Amino acid sequence: MLRAVADVNVLVSAVISPRGVCGRLYDAAADGRWRLVASEHLVAELEMTLGYRKTRRWIPVADIEGYVAGSDA
């Protein structure tokens, strides 16, 4: 199976534009078509970035943990 590391900006872009290229990449990983590899540092940075006030219009605070857990493949 193909494995890759996605930059935090790609994962945040997937939240902002789920039908865009980054969103489709995230969906493909969630569907098991490729495996997203992430370090603890990347996951922490993603969680911090999604917790910013300016990103809350795209993802509710309550949904951040689930999204981040889905990214930690």
Protein backbone atom coordinates (compact mmCIF):
# COMPACT_ATOMS: atom_id res chain seq x y z
CA MET A 1 0.00 0.00 0.00
CA LEU A 2 1.18 3.49 -0.81
CA ARG A 3 2.22 5.49 2.27
CA ALA A 4 2.89 9.22 2.41
CA VAL A 5 3.31 12.10 4.82
CA ALA A 6 0.94 15.00 4.21
CA ASP A 7 1.97 18.49 5.24
CA VAL A 8 -0.22 20.17 7.85
CA ASN A 9 -1.24 22.74 5.23
CA VAL A 10 -2.64 19.94 3.06
CA LEU A 11 -4.69 18.57 5.95
CA VAL A 12 -5.99 22.02 6.89
CA SER A 13 -6.85 22.67 3.24
CA ALA A 14 -8.85 19.43 3.27
CA VAL A 15 -10.99 20.90 6.07
CA ILE A 16 -11.42 24.22 4.30
CA SER A 17 -12.22 22.73 0.91
CA PRO A 18 -13.35 19.09 1.28
CA ARG A 19 -14.19 18.81 -2.43
CA GLY A 20 -10.84 20.23 -3.51
CA VAL A 21 -7.69 18.27 -4.27
CA CYS A 22 -6.59 18.13 -0.61
CA GLY A 23 -10.04 17.06 0.53
CA ARG A 24 -10.09 14.26 -2.04
CA LEU A 25 -6.63 13.15 -0.91
CA TYR A 26 -7.83 13.02 2.70
CA ASP A 27 -10.92 11.04 1.67
CA ALA A 28 -8.75 8.59 -0.27
CA ALA A 29 -6.65 8.01 2.86
CA ALA A 30 -9.80 7.59 4.97
CA ASP A 31 -11.09 5.04 2.42
CA GLY A 32 -7.85 3.06 2.69
CA ARG A 33 -6.55 3.81 -0.81
CA TRP A 34 -3.31 5.07 0.72
CA ARG A 35 -1.92 5.31 4.23
CA LEU A 36 -1.30 8.68 5.83
CA VAL A 37 1.85 8.59 7.93
CA ALA A 38 2.17 11.23 10.66
CA SER A 39 4.59 12.01 13.43
CA GLU A 40 3.49 13.13 16.88
CA HIS A 41 4.83 16.59 16.03
CA LEU A 42 2.73 16.79 12.85
CA VAL A 43 -0.42 15.67 14.70
CA ALA A 44 0.20 18.23 17.47
CA GLU A 45 0.75 20.99 14.90
CA LEU A 46 -2.46 20.02 13.08
CA GLU A 47 -4.46 20.07 16.30
CA MET A 48 -3.00 23.46 17.26
CA THR A 49 -3.67 24.94 13.81
CA LEU A 50 -7.25 23.70 13.71
CA GLY A 51 -7.79 25.16 17.18
CA TYR A 52 -7.11 28.71 15.98
CA ARG A 53 -10.12 31.01 16.05
CA LYS A 54 -9.83 31.71 12.32
CA THR A 55 -10.28 28.02 11.42
CA ARG A 56 -13.41 27.54 13.54
CA ARG A 57 -15.67 28.63 10.70
CA TRP A 58 -14.64 25.48 8.81
CA ILE A 59 -14.47 22.97 11.64
CA PRO A 60 -16.19 23.13 15.02
CA VAL A 61 -13.95 22.68 18.05
CA ALA A 62 -15.91 19.52 18.93
CA ASP A 63 -14.94 17.94 15.58
CA ILE A 64 -11.22 18.70 15.73
CA GLU A 65 -10.28 15.66 17.84
CA GLY A 66 -12.04 13.27 15.46
CA TYR A 67 -10.44 14.83 12.40
CA VAL A 68 -6.99 14.75 13.98
CA ALA A 69 -7.48 11.13 15.07
CA GLY A 70 -8.42 10.28 11.49
CA SER A 71 -5.21 11.93 10.32
CA ASP A 72 -3.08 9.90 12.68
CA ALA A 73 -3.02 6.79 10.52
